Amino acid sequence: MRSAFALVCWVGGHDWTEALFGYVASIAFGAAIGIESYMWFREWKPGSSKRS
C-alpha cells in the first residue's frame, strides 16, 4: 500500500516530499484502521447483543 501511494506521486510528476507524504499517509491510515478494529473487537462478545 505504501508503495502504491508513493508510486502514484512519482508517476504523477510530484516531488519527493509529496511522495514521502503518500508513503507516511498509508502507515497512518493503517494504524487508524488497526486501532478502530481493536476497539471494536474488544467490545464485541460472542452471543451477546446490545439491545436496549
PDB file of N, CA and C in Angstrom:
ATOM      1  N   MET A   1       0.830  -1.183   0.000  1.00  0.00           N
ATOM      2  CA  MET A   1       0.000   0.000   0.000  1.00  0.00           C
ATOM      3  C   MET A   1       0.879   1.253   0.000  1.00  0.00           C
ATOM      4  N   ARG A   2       1.921   1.236   0.809  1.00  0.00           N
ATOM      5  CA  ARG A   2       2.826   2.394   0.847  1.00  0.00           C
ATOM      6  C   ARG A   2       3.430   2.656  -0.520  1.00  0.00           C
ATOM      7  N   SER A   3       3.852   1.597  -1.167  1.00  0.00           N
ATOM      8  CA  SER A   3       4.480   1.752  -2.479  1.00  0.00           C
ATOM      9  C   SER A   3       3.491   2.290  -3.508  1.00  0.00           C
ATOM     10  N   ALA A   4       2.226   1.878  -3.403  1.00  0.00           N
ATOM     11  CA  ALA A   4       1.214   2.365  -4.340  1.00  0.00           C
ATOM     12  C   ALA A   4       1.025   3.869  -4.196  1.00  0.00           C
ATOM     13  N   PHE A   5       0.932   4.353  -2.970  1.00  0.00           N
ATOM     14  CA  PHE A   5       0.795   5.793  -2.742  1.00  0.00           C
ATOM     15  C   PHE A   5       2.019   6.541  -3.280  1.00  0.00           C
ATOM     16  N   ALA A   6       3.205   6.056  -2.977  1.00  0.00           N
ATOM     17  CA  ALA A   6       4.432   6.719  -3.418  1.00  0.00           C
ATOM     18  C   ALA A   6       4.561   6.668  -4.936  1.00  0.00           C
ATOM     19  N   LEU A   7       4.209   5.536  -5.544  1.00  0.00           N
ATOM     20  CA  LEU A   7       4.310   5.390  -6.990  1.00  0.00           C
ATOM     21  C   LEU A   7       3.392   6.373  -7.713  1.00  0.00           C
ATOM     22  N   VAL A   8       2.184   6.541  -7.221  1.00  0.00           N
ATOM     23  CA  VAL A   8       1.260   7.497  -7.829  1.00  0.00           C
ATOM     24  C   VAL A   8       1.846   8.907  -7.790  1.00  0.00           C
ATOM     25  N   CYS A   9       2.473   9.266  -6.701  1.00  0.00           N
ATOM     26  CA  CYS A   9       3.073  10.600  -6.597  1.00  0.00           C
ATOM     27  C   CYS A   9       4.235  10.766  -7.576  1.00  0.00           C
ATOM     28  N   TRP A  10       5.099   9.746  -7.668  1.00  0.00           N
ATOM     29  CA  TRP A  10       6.253   9.865  -8.560  1.00  0.00           C
ATOM     30  C   TRP A  10       5.825   9.859 -10.025  1.00  0.00           C
ATOM     31  N   VAL A  11       4.888   8.999 -10.387  1.00  0.00           N
ATOM     32  CA  VAL A  11       4.427   8.923 -11.773  1.00  0.00           C
ATOM     33  C   VAL A  11       3.671  10.190 -12.156  1.00  0.00           C
ATOM     34  N   GLY A  12       2.938  10.753 -11.213  1.00  0.00           N
ATOM     35  CA  GLY A  12       2.162  11.957 -11.477  1.00  0.00           C
ATOM     36  C   GLY A  12       2.992  13.225 -11.575  1.00  0.00           C
ATOM     37  N   GLY A  13       4.285  13.119 -11.376  1.00  0.00           N
ATOM     38  CA  GLY A  13       5.147  14.287 -11.515  1.00  0.00           C
ATOM     39  C   GLY A  13       5.305  15.099 -10.246  1.00  0.00           C
ATOM     40  N   HIS A  14       4.951  14.538  -9.124  1.00  0.00           N
ATOM     41  CA  HIS A  14       5.098  15.253  -7.862  1.00  0.00           C
ATOM     42  C   HIS A  14       6.542  15.158  -7.371  1.00  0.00           C
ATOM     43  N   ASP A  15       6.897  16.002  -6.434  1.00  0.00           N
ATOM     44  CA  ASP A  15       8.254  15.962  -5.909  1.00  0.00           C
ATOM     45  C   ASP A  15       8.382  14.923  -4.789  1.00  0.00           C
ATOM     46  N   TRP A  16       9.592  14.795  -4.267  1.00  0.00           N
ATOM     47  CA  TRP A  16       9.854  13.736  -3.295  1.00  0.00           C
ATOM     48  C   TRP A  16       9.136  13.963  -1.972  1.00  0.00           C
ATOM     49  N   THR A  17       8.841  15.193  -1.592  1.00  0.00           N
ATOM     50  CA  THR A  17       8.138  15.424  -0.325  1.00  0.00           C
ATOM     51  C   THR A  17       6.696  14.920  -0.394  1.00  0.00           C
ATOM     52  N   GLU A  18       6.062  15.092  -1.548  1.00  0.00           N
ATOM     53  CA  GLU A  18       4.709  14.570  -1.699  1.00  0.00           C
ATOM     54  C   GLU A  18       4.715  13.047  -1.764  1.00  0.00           C
ATOM     55  N   ALA A  19       5.729  12.472  -2.353  1.00  0.00           N
ATOM     56  CA  ALA A  19       5.857  11.017  -2.376  1.00  0.00           C
ATOM     57  C   ALA A  19       6.069  10.490  -0.954  1.00  0.00           C
ATOM     58  N   LEU A  20       6.855  11.206  -0.176  1.00  0.00           N
ATOM     59  CA  LEU A  20       7.083  10.818   1.214  1.00  0.00           C
ATOM     60  C   LEU A  20       5.792  10.911   2.015  1.00  0.00           C
ATOM     61  N   PHE A  21       5.002  11.954   1.771  1.00  0.00           N
ATOM     62  CA  PHE A  21       3.710  12.089   2.437  1.00  0.00           C
ATOM     63  C   PHE A  21       2.804  10.915   2.082  1.00  0.00           C
ATOM     64  N   GLY A  22       2.782  10.520   0.825  1.00  0.00           N
ATOM     65  CA  GLY A  22       1.987   9.367   0.406  1.00  0.00           C
ATOM     66  C   GLY A  22       2.443   8.092   1.099  1.00  0.00           C
ATOM     67  N   TYR A  23       3.733   7.964   1.301  1.00  0.00           N
ATOM     68  CA  TYR A  23       4.297   6.800   1.989  1.00  0.00           C
ATOM     69  C   TYR A  23       3.863   6.784   3.454  1.00  0.00           C
ATOM     70  N   VAL A  24       3.939   7.923   4.116  1.00  0.00           N
ATOM     71  CA  VAL A  24       3.599   8.030   5.534  1.00  0.00           C
ATOM     72  C   VAL A  24       2.084   7.960   5.747  1.00  0.00           C
ATOM     73  N   ALA A  25       1.310   8.512   4.817  1.00  0.00           N
ATOM     74  CA  ALA A  25      -0.154   8.516   4.955  1.00  0.00           C
ATOM     75  C   ALA A  25      -0.704   7.100   5.012  1.00  0.00           C
ATOM     76  N   SER A  26      -0.152   6.198   4.221  1.00  0.00           N
ATOM     77  CA  SER A  26      -0.655   4.822   4.247  1.00  0.00           C
ATOM     78  C   SER A  26      -0.383   4.161   5.599  1.00  0.00           C
ATOM     79  N   ILE A  27       0.732   4.501   6.230  1.00  0.00           N
ATOM     80  CA  ILE A  27       1.036   3.969   7.562  1.00  0.00           C
ATOM     81  C   ILE A  27       0.035   4.525   8.579  1.00  0.00           C
ATOM     82  N   ALA A  28      -0.248   5.818   8.487  1.00  0.00           N
ATOM     83  CA  ALA A  28      -1.192   6.449   9.413  1.00  0.00           C
ATOM     84  C   ALA A  28      -2.598   5.873   9.232  1.00  0.00           C
ATOM     85  N   PHE A  29      -3.032   5.700   7.982  1.00  0.00           N
ATOM     86  CA  PHE A  29      -4.350   5.112   7.742  1.00  0.00           C
ATOM     87  C   PHE A  29      -4.415   3.686   8.276  1.00  0.00           C
ATOM     88  N   GLY A  30      -3.365   2.926   8.064  1.00  0.00           N
ATOM     89  CA  GLY A  30      -3.320   1.549   8.567  1.00  0.00           C
ATOM     90  C   GLY A  30      -3.385   1.493  10.085  1.00  0.00           C
ATOM     91  N   ALA A  31      -2.675   2.397  10.739  1.00  0.00           N
ATOM     92  CA  ALA A  31      -2.700   2.454  12.205  1.00  0.00           C
ATOM     93  C   ALA A  31      -4.090   2.822  12.713  1.00  0.00           C
ATOM     94  N   ALA A  32      -4.735   3.797  12.065  1.00  0.00           N
ATOM     95  CA  ALA A  32      -6.072   4.213  12.484  1.00  0.00           C
ATOM     96  C   ALA A  32      -7.075   3.072  12.309  1.00  0.00           C
ATOM     97  N   ILE A  33      -6.987   2.353  11.206  1.00  0.00           N
ATOM     98  CA  ILE A  33      -7.883   1.218  10.973  1.00  0.00           C
ATOM     99  C   ILE A  33      -7.609   0.116  11.988  1.00  0.00           C
ATOM    100  N   GLY A  34      -6.343  -0.126  12.284  1.00  0.00           N
ATOM    101  CA  GLY A  34      -5.986  -1.148  13.262  1.00  0.00           C
ATOM    102  C   GLY A  34      -6.504  -0.824  14.653  1.00  0.00           C
ATOM    103  N   ILE A  35      -6.379   0.423  15.071  1.00  0.00           N
ATOM    104  CA  ILE A  35      -6.866   0.837  16.390  1.00  0.00           C
ATOM    105  C   ILE A  35      -8.380   0.718  16.465  1.00  0.00           C
ATOM    106  N   GLU A  36      -9.061   1.161  15.419  1.00  0.00           N
ATOM    107  CA  GLU A  36     -10.522   1.067  15.387  1.00  0.00           C
ATOM    108  C   GLU A  36     -10.979  -0.393  15.432  1.00  0.00           C
ATOM    109  N   SER A  37     -10.289  -1.270  14.700  1.00  0.00           N
ATOM    110  CA  SER A  37     -10.634  -2.691  14.716  1.00  0.00           C
ATOM    111  C   SER A  37     -10.407  -3.292  16.099  1.00  0.00           C
ATOM    112  N   TYR A  38      -9.299  -2.932  16.728  1.00  0.00           N
ATOM    113  CA  TYR A  38      -9.005  -3.426  18.071  1.00  0.00           C
ATOM    114  C   TYR A  38     -10.098  -3.006  19.053  1.00  0.00           C
ATOM    115  N   MET A  39     -10.504  -1.735  18.984  1.00  0.00           N
ATOM    116  CA  MET A  39     -11.544  -1.252  19.894  1.00  0.00           C
ATOM    117  C   MET A  39     -12.868  -1.979  19.648  1.00  0.00           C
ATOM    118  N   TRP A  40     -13.184  -2.227  18.378  1.00  0.00           N
ATOM    119  CA  TRP A  40     -14.435  -2.913  18.052  1.00  0.00           C
ATOM    120  C   TRP A  40     -14.408  -4.350  18.555  1.00  0.00           C
ATOM    121  N   PHE A  41     -13.315  -5.074  18.296  1.00  0.00           N
ATOM    122  CA  PHE A  41     -13.222  -6.470  18.734  1.00  0.00           C
ATOM    123  C   PHE A  41     -13.160  -6.584  20.253  1.00  0.00           C
ATOM    124  N   ARG A  42     -12.607  -5.596  20.925  1.00  0.00           N
ATOM    125  CA  ARG A  42     -12.523  -5.628  22.381  1.00  0.00           C
ATOM    126  C   ARG A  42     -13.908  -5.544  23.017  1.00  0.00           C
ATOM    127  N   GLU A  43     -14.805  -4.763  22.397  1.00  0.00           N
ATOM    128  CA  GLU A  43     -16.158  -4.609  22.925  1.00  0.00           C
ATOM    129  C   GLU A  43     -17.091  -5.735  22.501  1.00  0.00           C
ATOM    130  N   TRP A  44     -16.770  -6.422  21.411  1.00  0.00           N
ATOM    131  CA  TRP A  44     -17.628  -7.475  20.874  1.00  0.00           C
ATOM    132  C   TRP A  44     -17.491  -8.744  21.704  1.00  0.00           C
ATOM    133  N   LYS A  45     -18.614  -9.338  22.058  1.00  0.00           N
ATOM    134  CA  LYS A  45     -18.619 -10.589  22.795  1.00  0.00           C
ATOM    135  C   LYS A  45     -19.529 -11.566  22.063  1.00  0.00           C
ATOM    136  N   PRO A  46     -19.058 -12.778  21.788  1.00  0.00           N
ATOM    137  CA  PRO A  46     -19.889 -13.741  21.080  1.00  0.00           C
ATOM    138  C   PRO A  46     -21.174 -14.064  21.837  1.00  0.00           C
ATOM    139  N   GLY A  47     -22.288 -14.090  21.144  1.00  0.00           N
ATOM    140  CA  GLY A  47     -23.557 -14.474  21.742  1.00  0.00           C
ATOM    141  C   GLY A  47     -24.258 -13.379  22.491  1.00  0.00           C
ATOM    142  N   SER A  48     -23.695 -12.200  22.562  1.00  0.00           N
ATOM    143  CA  SER A  48     -24.378 -11.125  23.277  1.00  0.00           C
ATOM    144  C   SER A  48     -24.865 -10.083  22.290  1.00  0.00           C
ATOM    145  N   SER A  49     -25.976  -9.473  22.629  1.00  0.00           N
ATOM    146  CA  SER A  49     -26.485  -8.387  21.793  1.00  0.00           C
ATOM    147  C   SER A  49     -26.708  -7.180  22.669  1.00  0.00           C
ATOM    148  N   LYS A  50     -26.516  -6.017  22.107  1.00  0.00           N
ATOM    149  CA  LYS A  50     -26.672  -4.769  22.866  1.00  0.00           C
ATOM    150  C   LYS A  50     -28.017  -4.152  22.538  1.00  0.00           C
ATOM    151  N   ARG A  51     -29.061  -4.748  23.035  1.00  0.00           N
ATOM    152  CA  ARG A  51     -30.395  -4.209  22.813  1.00  0.00           C
ATOM    153  C   ARG A  51     -30.853  -3.471  24.048  1.00  0.00           C
ATOM    154  N   SER A  52     -31.493  -2.355  23.842  1.00  0.00           N
ATOM    155  CA  SER A  52     -31.964  -1.556  24.974  1.00  0.00           C
ATOM    156  C   SER A  52     -33.398  -1.885  25.299  1.00  0.00           C
TER     157      SER A  52
END
